[in-house]
PDB file of N, CA and C in Angstrom:
ATOM      1  N   MET A   1     150.867 103.872 -24.823  1.00  0.00           N
ATOM      2  CA  MET A   1     152.107 103.700 -25.135  1.00  0.00           C
ATOM      3  C   MET A   1     152.651 104.378 -26.288  1.00  0.00           C
ATOM      4  N   THR A   2     153.815 105.012 -26.324  1.00  0.00           N
ATOM      5  CA  THR A   2     154.321 105.727 -27.509  1.00  0.00           C
ATOM      6  C   THR A   2     155.222 104.448 -28.114  1.00  0.00           C
ATOM      7  N   ILE A   3     155.637 104.841 -29.616  1.00  0.00           N
ATOM      8  CA  ILE A   3     156.394 104.073 -30.190  1.00  0.00           C
ATOM      9  C   ILE A   3     157.635 103.875 -29.779  1.00  0.00           C
ATOM     10  N   LEU A   4     158.143 105.064 -29.156  1.00  0.00           N
ATOM     11  CA  LEU A   4     159.786 104.862 -28.385  1.00  0.00           C
ATOM     12  C   LEU A   4     159.899 104.091 -27.567  1.00  0.00           C
ATOM     13  N   GLU A   5     158.793 104.354 -26.432  1.00  0.00           N
ATOM     14  CA  GLU A   5     158.610 103.609 -25.475  1.00  0.00           C
ATOM     15  C   GLU A   5     158.434 102.182 -25.625  1.00  0.00           C
ATOM     16  N   PHE A   6     157.475 101.792 -26.856  1.00  0.00           N
ATOM     17  CA  PHE A   6     157.553 100.255 -27.166  1.00  0.00           C
ATOM     18  C   PHE A   6     159.072  99.777 -27.600  1.00  0.00           C
ATOM     19  N   THR A   7     159.553 100.625 -28.444  1.00  0.00           N
ATOM     20  CA  THR A   7     160.990 100.216 -29.016  1.00  0.00           C
ATOM     21  C   THR A   7     161.609  99.784 -27.780  1.00  0.00           C
ATOM     22  N   THR A   8     161.911 100.888 -26.742  1.00  0.00           N
ATOM     23  CA  THR A   8     162.725 100.217 -25.966  1.00  0.00           C
ATOM     24  C   THR A   8     162.444  99.322 -25.168  1.00  0.00           C
ATOM     25  N   LYS A   9     161.183  99.154 -24.505  1.00  0.00           N
ATOM     26  CA  LYS A   9     160.745  97.895 -23.870  1.00  0.00           C
ATOM     27  C   LYS A   9     160.833  96.784 -24.778  1.00  0.00           C
ATOM     28  N   PHE A  10     160.822  96.799 -25.867  1.00  0.00           N
ATOM     29  CA  PHE A  10     160.751  95.702 -26.695  1.00  0.00           C
ATOM     30  C   PHE A  10     162.216  95.119 -26.892  1.00  0.00           C
ATOM     31  N   LYS A  11     162.991  96.073 -27.231  1.00  0.00           N
ATOM     32  CA  LYS A  11     164.476  95.515 -27.232  1.00  0.00           C
ATOM     33  C   LYS A  11     165.343  94.794 -25.795  1.00  0.00           C
ATOM     34  N   GLU A  12     164.441  95.668 -24.899  1.00  0.00           N
ATOM     35  CA  GLU A  12     164.696  94.941 -23.514  1.00  0.00           C
ATOM     36  C   GLU A  12     164.438  93.424 -23.557  1.00  0.00           C
ATOM     37  N   LEU A  13     163.227  93.347 -23.837  1.00  0.00           N
ATOM     38  CA  LEU A  13     162.480  92.044 -23.572  1.00  0.00           C
ATOM     39  C   LEU A  13     163.373  91.080 -24.817  1.00  0.00           C
ATOM     40  N   LYS A  14     163.956  91.444 -25.878  1.00  0.00           N
ATOM     41  CA  LYS A  14     164.345  90.553 -26.750  1.00  0.00           C
ATOM     42  C   LYS A  14     165.569  89.932 -26.356  1.00  0.00           C
ATOM     43  N   ASP A  15     166.513  91.086 -25.504  1.00  0.00           N
ATOM     44  CA  ASP A  15     167.708  90.677 -24.941  1.00  0.00           C
ATOM     45  C   ASP A  15     167.733  89.751 -23.715  1.00  0.00           C
ATOM     46  N   LYS A  16     166.525  89.708 -23.642  1.00  0.00           N
ATOM     47  CA  LYS A  16     166.122  88.482 -22.290  1.00  0.00           C
ATOM     48  C   LYS A  16     166.051  87.137 -23.144  1.00  0.00           C
ATOM     49  N   GLY A  17     165.915  86.739 -24.311  1.00  0.00           N
ATOM     50  CA  GLY A  17     165.879  85.500 -24.775  1.00  0.00           C
ATOM     51  C   GLY A  17     164.373  84.836 -24.545  1.00  0.00           C
ATOM     52  N   PHE A  18     164.659  83.901 -24.111  1.00  0.00           N
ATOM     53  CA  PHE A  18     163.366  82.797 -24.031  1.00  0.00           C
ATOM     54  C   PHE A  18     162.773  83.045 -22.970  1.00  0.00           C
ATOM     55  N   ILE A  19     161.620  83.380 -23.010  1.00  0.00           N
ATOM     56  CA  ILE A  19     160.402  83.580 -21.897  1.00  0.00           C
ATOM     57  C   ILE A  19     159.376  82.916 -21.816  1.00  0.00           C
ATOM     58  N   PRO A  20     159.175  82.320 -20.766  1.00  0.00           N
ATOM     59  CA  PRO A  20     158.074  80.943 -20.676  1.00  0.00           C
ATOM     60  C   PRO A  20     156.799  81.510 -20.906  1.00  0.00           C
ATOM     61  N   THR A  21     155.876  81.106 -21.374  1.00  0.00           N
ATOM     62  CA  THR A  21     154.359  81.679 -21.544  1.00  0.00           C
ATOM     63  C   THR A  21     153.772  81.945 -20.093  1.00  0.00           C
ATOM     64  N   THR A  22     152.925  82.831 -19.815  1.00  0.00           N
ATOM     65  CA  THR A  22     152.662  83.180 -18.665  1.00  0.00           C
ATOM     66  C   THR A  22     150.775  82.529 -18.743  1.00  0.00           C
ATOM     67  N   ARG A  23     150.550  82.004 -19.785  1.00  0.00           N
ATOM     68  CA  ARG A  23     149.121  81.404 -19.913  1.00  0.00           C
ATOM     69  C   ARG A  23     149.134  80.591 -21.035  1.00  0.00           C
ATOM     70  N   ARG A  24     148.359  79.396 -20.808  1.00  0.00           N
ATOM     71  CA  ARG A  24     148.436  78.340 -21.685  1.00  0.00           C
ATOM     72  C   ARG A  24     147.076  78.577 -23.003  1.00  0.00           C
ATOM     73  N   GLY A  25     147.370  77.637 -23.947  1.00  0.00           N
ATOM     74  CA  GLY A  25     146.513  77.902 -24.801  1.00  0.00           C
ATOM     75  C   GLY A  25     146.700  79.063 -26.132  1.00  0.00           C
ATOM     76  N   PRO A  26     145.654  79.303 -27.021  1.00  0.00           N
ATOM     77  CA  PRO A  26     146.054  80.076 -27.838  1.00  0.00           C
ATOM     78  C   PRO A  26     146.526  81.666 -27.673  1.00  0.00           C
ATOM     79  N   THR A  27     145.988  82.127 -26.508  1.00  0.00           N
ATOM     80  CA  THR A  27     146.072  83.348 -26.091  1.00  0.00           C
ATOM     81  C   THR A  27     147.272  83.517 -25.328  1.00  0.00           C
ATOM     82  N   GLY A  28     147.998  82.622 -25.061  1.00  0.00           N
ATOM     83  CA  GLY A  28     149.356  82.668 -24.091  1.00  0.00           C
ATOM     84  C   GLY A  28     150.320  83.498 -24.355  1.00  0.00           C
ATOM     85  N   ILE A  29     150.719  83.243 -25.739  1.00  0.00           N
ATOM     86  CA  ILE A  29     151.912  84.187 -26.530  1.00  0.00           C
ATOM     87  C   ILE A  29     151.550  85.481 -26.553  1.00  0.00           C
ATOM     88  N   GLY A  30     150.205  85.976 -26.634  1.00  0.00           N
ATOM     89  CA  GLY A  30     149.856  87.121 -26.931  1.00  0.00           C
ATOM     90  C   GLY A  30     150.060  87.667 -25.241  1.00  0.00           C
ATOM     91  N   HIS A  31     149.580  86.942 -24.387  1.00  0.00           N
ATOM     92  CA  HIS A  31     149.395  87.582 -22.681  1.00  0.00           C
ATOM     93  C   HIS A  31     150.675  87.750 -22.667  1.00  0.00           C
ATOM     94  N   THR A  32     151.816  87.166 -22.929  1.00  0.00           N
ATOM     95  CA  THR A  32     153.067  87.146 -22.391  1.00  0.00           C
ATOM     96  C   THR A  32     153.499  88.053 -22.870  1.00  0.00           C
ATOM     97  N   LEU A  33     153.402  88.559 -24.237  1.00  0.00           N
ATOM     98  CA  LEU A  33     154.352  89.800 -24.734  1.00  0.00           C
ATOM     99  C   LEU A  33     153.843  91.036 -24.272  1.00  0.00           C
ATOM    100  N   GLU A  34     152.525  90.985 -23.817  1.00  0.00           N
ATOM    101  CA  GLU A  34     151.595  92.357 -23.349  1.00  0.00           C
ATOM    102  C   GLU A  34     152.222  92.369 -21.961  1.00  0.00           C
ATOM    103  N   THR A  35     152.103  91.141 -21.292  1.00  0.00           N
ATOM    104  CA  THR A  35     152.355  91.491 -19.914  1.00  0.00           C
ATOM    105  C   THR A  35     153.619  91.722 -19.633  1.00  0.00           C
ATOM    106  N   ASN A  36     155.050  91.310 -20.451  1.00  0.00           N
ATOM    107  CA  ASN A  36     156.480  91.529 -20.468  1.00  0.00           C
ATOM    108  C   ASN A  36     156.715  92.988 -21.099  1.00  0.00           C
ATOM    109  N   LEU A  37     155.741  93.558 -21.611  1.00  0.00           N
ATOM    110  CA  LEU A  37     155.766  95.030 -22.279  1.00  0.00           C
ATOM    111  C   LEU A  37     155.142  96.038 -21.133  1.00  0.00           C
ATOM    112  N   GLY A  38     154.501  95.491 -20.364  1.00  0.00           N
ATOM    113  CA  GLY A  38     153.477  96.393 -19.347  1.00  0.00           C
ATOM    114  C   GLY A  38     152.485  96.857 -20.053  1.00  0.00           C
ATOM    115  N   ILE A  39     151.769  96.048 -20.802  1.00  0.00           N
ATOM    116  CA  ILE A  39     150.129  96.402 -21.625  1.00  0.00           C
ATOM    117  C   ILE A  39     149.356  95.580 -20.865  1.00  0.00           C
ATOM    118  N   SER A  40     147.975  96.486 -20.119  1.00  0.00           N
ATOM    119  CA  SER A  40     147.101  95.714 -19.518  1.00  0.00           C
ATOM    120  C   SER A  40     146.438  94.852 -20.469  1.00  0.00           C
ATOM    121  N   GLU A  41     145.853  93.565 -19.976  1.00  0.00           N
ATOM    122  CA  GLU A  41     145.188  92.919 -20.917  1.00  0.00           C
ATOM    123  C   GLU A  41     143.735  93.760 -21.141  1.00  0.00           C
ATOM    124  N   ASN A  42     142.932  93.766 -22.340  1.00  0.00           N
ATOM    125  CA  ASN A  42     141.788  94.589 -22.293  1.00  0.00           C
ATOM    126  C   ASN A  42     141.262  93.793 -23.589  1.00  0.00           C
ATOM    127  N   ASN A  43     139.960  93.888 -23.971  1.00  0.00           N
ATOM    128  CA  ASN A  43     139.076  93.569 -24.802  1.00  0.00           C
ATOM    129  C   ASN A  43     138.494  94.277 -25.659  1.00  0.00           C
ATOM    130  N   ASP A  44     139.321  95.618 -25.517  1.00  0.00           N
ATOM    131  CA  ASP A  44     138.403  96.772 -26.184  1.00  0.00           C
ATOM    132  C   ASP A  44     139.177  96.981 -27.586  1.00  0.00           C
ATOM    133  N   ALA A  45     138.573  98.157 -28.208  1.00  0.00           N
ATOM    134  CA  ALA A  45     139.066  98.264 -29.700  1.00  0.00           C
ATOM    135  C   ALA A  45     140.014  99.517 -29.406  1.00  0.00           C
ATOM    136  N   HIS A  46     140.648  99.825 -28.565  1.00  0.00           N
ATOM    137  CA  HIS A  46     141.575 100.806 -28.455  1.00  0.00           C
ATOM    138  C   HIS A  46     142.988 100.183 -28.874  1.00  0.00           C
ATOM    139  N   PRO A  47     143.744 100.757 -29.720  1.00  0.00           N
ATOM    140  CA  PRO A  47     145.146 100.246 -29.922  1.00  0.00           C
ATOM    141  C   PRO A  47     146.109 100.014 -28.751  1.00  0.00           C
ATOM    142  N   ASP A  48     146.974  99.479 -28.853  1.00  0.00           N
ATOM    143  CA  ASP A  48     148.253  99.382 -27.858  1.00  0.00           C
ATOM    144  C   ASP A  48     149.167 100.285 -27.879  1.00  0.00           C
ATOM    145  N   VAL A  49     149.691 100.433 -28.941  1.00  0.00           N
ATOM    146  CA  VAL A  49     150.634 101.350 -29.209  1.00  0.00           C
ATOM    147  C   VAL A  49     150.548 102.346 -30.429  1.00  0.00           C
ATOM    148  N   GLU A  50     150.447 103.751 -30.326  1.00  0.00           N
ATOM    149  CA  GLU A  50     150.271 104.456 -30.936  1.00  0.00           C
ATOM    150  C   GLU A  50     149.513 104.248 -32.474  1.00  0.00           C
ATOM    151  N   GLY A  51     148.304 104.152 -32.157  1.00  0.00           N
ATOM    152  CA  GLY A  51     147.274 103.725 -33.335  1.00  0.00           C
ATOM    153  C   GLY A  51     147.354 102.191 -33.758  1.00  0.00           C
ATOM    154  N   ALA A  52     148.212 101.241 -33.305  1.00  0.00           N
ATOM    155  CA  ALA A  52     148.174 100.030 -33.964  1.00  0.00           C
ATOM    156  C   ALA A  52     148.096  99.229 -32.565  1.00  0.00           C
ATOM    157  N   GLU A  53     147.207  97.912 -32.674  1.00  0.00           N
ATOM    158  CA  GLU A  53     147.387  96.994 -32.123  1.00  0.00           C
ATOM    159  C   GLU A  53     148.395  95.816 -31.885  1.00  0.00           C
ATOM    160  N   LEU A  54     148.915  95.639 -30.867  1.00  0.00           N
ATOM    161  CA  LEU A  54     149.997  94.586 -30.952  1.00  0.00           C
ATOM    162  C   LEU A  54     149.298  93.398 -31.157  1.00  0.00           C
ATOM    163  N   LYS A  55     150.001  92.258 -32.166  1.00  0.00           N
ATOM    164  CA  LYS A  55     149.413  91.031 -32.517  1.00  0.00           C
ATOM    165  C   LYS A  55     151.034  90.242 -32.458  1.00  0.00           C
ATOM    166  N   ALA A  56     150.861  89.003 -32.013  1.00  0.00           N
ATOM    167  CA  ALA A  56     151.894  87.851 -31.761  1.00  0.00           C
ATOM    168  C   ALA A  56     151.388  86.641 -32.132  1.00  0.00           C
ATOM    169  N   HIS A  57     152.271  85.671 -32.476  1.00  0.00           N
ATOM    170  CA  HIS A  57     152.098  84.642 -32.769  1.00  0.00           C
ATOM    171  C   HIS A  57     153.088  83.580 -32.908  1.00  0.00           C
ATOM    172  N   ARG A  58     152.673  82.372 -32.549  1.00  0.00           N
ATOM    173  CA  ARG A  58     153.973  81.387 -32.314  1.00  0.00           C
ATOM    174  C   ARG A  58     154.541  80.930 -33.784  1.00  0.00           C
ATOM    175  N   THR A  59     155.604  80.874 -33.939  1.00  0.00           N
ATOM    176  CA  THR A  59     156.459  80.578 -35.280  1.00  0.00           C
ATOM    177  C   THR A  59     155.813  79.348 -36.016  1.00  0.00           C
ATOM    178  N   LYS A  60     155.529  78.427 -35.411  1.00  0.00           N
ATOM    179  CA  LYS A  60     155.200  76.885 -35.767  1.00  0.00           C
ATOM    180  C   LYS A  60     153.433  76.807 -35.783  1.00  0.00           C
ATOM    181  N   GLY A  61     152.935  77.747 -35.310  1.00  0.00           N
ATOM    182  CA  GLY A  61     151.534  77.739 -35.070  1.00  0.00           C
ATOM    183  C   GLY A  61     150.684  77.811 -36.654  1.00  0.00           C
ATOM    184  N   ASN A  62     149.222  77.509 -36.481  1.00  0.00           N
ATOM    185  CA  ASN A  62     148.924  77.576 -37.855  1.00  0.00           C
ATOM    186  C   ASN A  62     147.508  78.297 -37.810  1.00  0.00           C
ATOM    187  N   SER A  63     147.432  79.176 -36.899  1.00  0.00           N
ATOM    188  CA  SER A  63     146.213  79.841 -36.891  1.00  0.00           C
ATOM    189  C   SER A  63     146.467  81.318 -37.164  1.00  0.00           C
ATOM    190  N   LEU A  64     145.033  81.946 -37.838  1.00  0.00           N
ATOM    191  CA  LEU A  64     145.025  83.111 -38.781  1.00  0.00           C
ATOM    192  C   LEU A  64     145.060  84.168 -37.637  1.00  0.00           C
ATOM    193  N   ILE A  65     145.744  85.347 -38.156  1.00  0.00           N
ATOM    194  CA  ILE A  65     145.871  86.636 -37.711  1.00  0.00           C
ATOM    195  C   ILE A  65     145.244  87.511 -38.426  1.00  0.00           C
ATOM    196  N   THR A  66     144.239  88.365 -37.832  1.00  0.00           N
ATOM    197  CA  THR A  66     143.719  89.424 -38.332  1.00  0.00           C
ATOM    198  C   THR A  66     144.129  90.839 -38.296  1.00  0.00           C
ATOM    199  N   LEU A  67     145.078  90.875 -39.212  1.00  0.00           N
ATOM    200  CA  LEU A  67     145.835  92.419 -39.538  1.00  0.00           C
ATOM    201  C   LEU A  67     145.116  93.598 -39.795  1.00  0.00           C
ATOM    202  N   PHE A  68     144.153  93.591 -40.323  1.00  0.00           N
ATOM    203  CA  PHE A  68     143.328  94.498 -40.798  1.00  0.00           C
ATOM    204  C   PHE A  68     141.998  94.834 -40.290  1.00  0.00           C
ATOM    205  N   THR A  69     141.495  95.145 -39.418  1.00  0.00           N
ATOM    206  CA  THR A  69     139.851  95.259 -39.346  1.00  0.00           C
ATOM    207  C   THR A  69     139.041  96.801 -39.398  1.00  0.00           C
ATOM    208  N   PHE A  70     138.173  96.915 -40.317  1.00  0.00           N
ATOM    209  CA  PHE A  70     137.716  98.057 -40.106  1.00  0.00           C
ATOM    210  C   PHE A  70     136.533  98.322 -38.814  1.00  0.00           C
ATOM    211  N   ASN A  71     137.050  99.567 -38.210  1.00  0.00           N
ATOM    212  CA  ASN A  71     136.511  99.751 -37.112  1.00  0.00           C
ATOM    213  C   ASN A  71     136.217 101.277 -36.714  1.00  0.00           C
ATOM    214  N   ASN A  72     134.744 101.466 -37.086  1.00  0.00           N
ATOM    215  CA  ASN A  72     134.522 103.154 -36.813  1.00  0.00           C
ATOM    216  C   ASN A  72     134.226 103.631 -35.802  1.00  0.00           C
ATOM    217  N   LYS A  73     134.483 102.744 -34.807  1.00  0.00           N
ATOM    218  CA  LYS A  73     134.182 103.008 -33.192  1.00  0.00           C
ATOM    219  C   LYS A  73     135.543 103.924 -32.875  1.00  0.00           C
ATOM    220  N   VAL A  74     136.582 103.895 -33.303  1.00  0.00           N
ATOM    221  CA  VAL A  74     137.873 104.388 -32.655  1.00  0.00           C
ATOM    222  C   VAL A  74     138.156 105.705 -33.179  1.00  0.00           C
TER     223      VAL A  74
END
């Protein structure tokens, strides 16, 4: 997905307002975001949007997010 495609889809998603989660538990928010952006669920090291991996978290959550990871396979 290009950054232009992401930006367009993200603005459309934002305009929808609240969207119920598609999955329970800690992975629900990311799954919901990716599903609504048309990104297939995957567990590989390839980025979602032009070299970047999309990350999501709940505002009131206390779990940690890894923002940068060294990966020489990509």
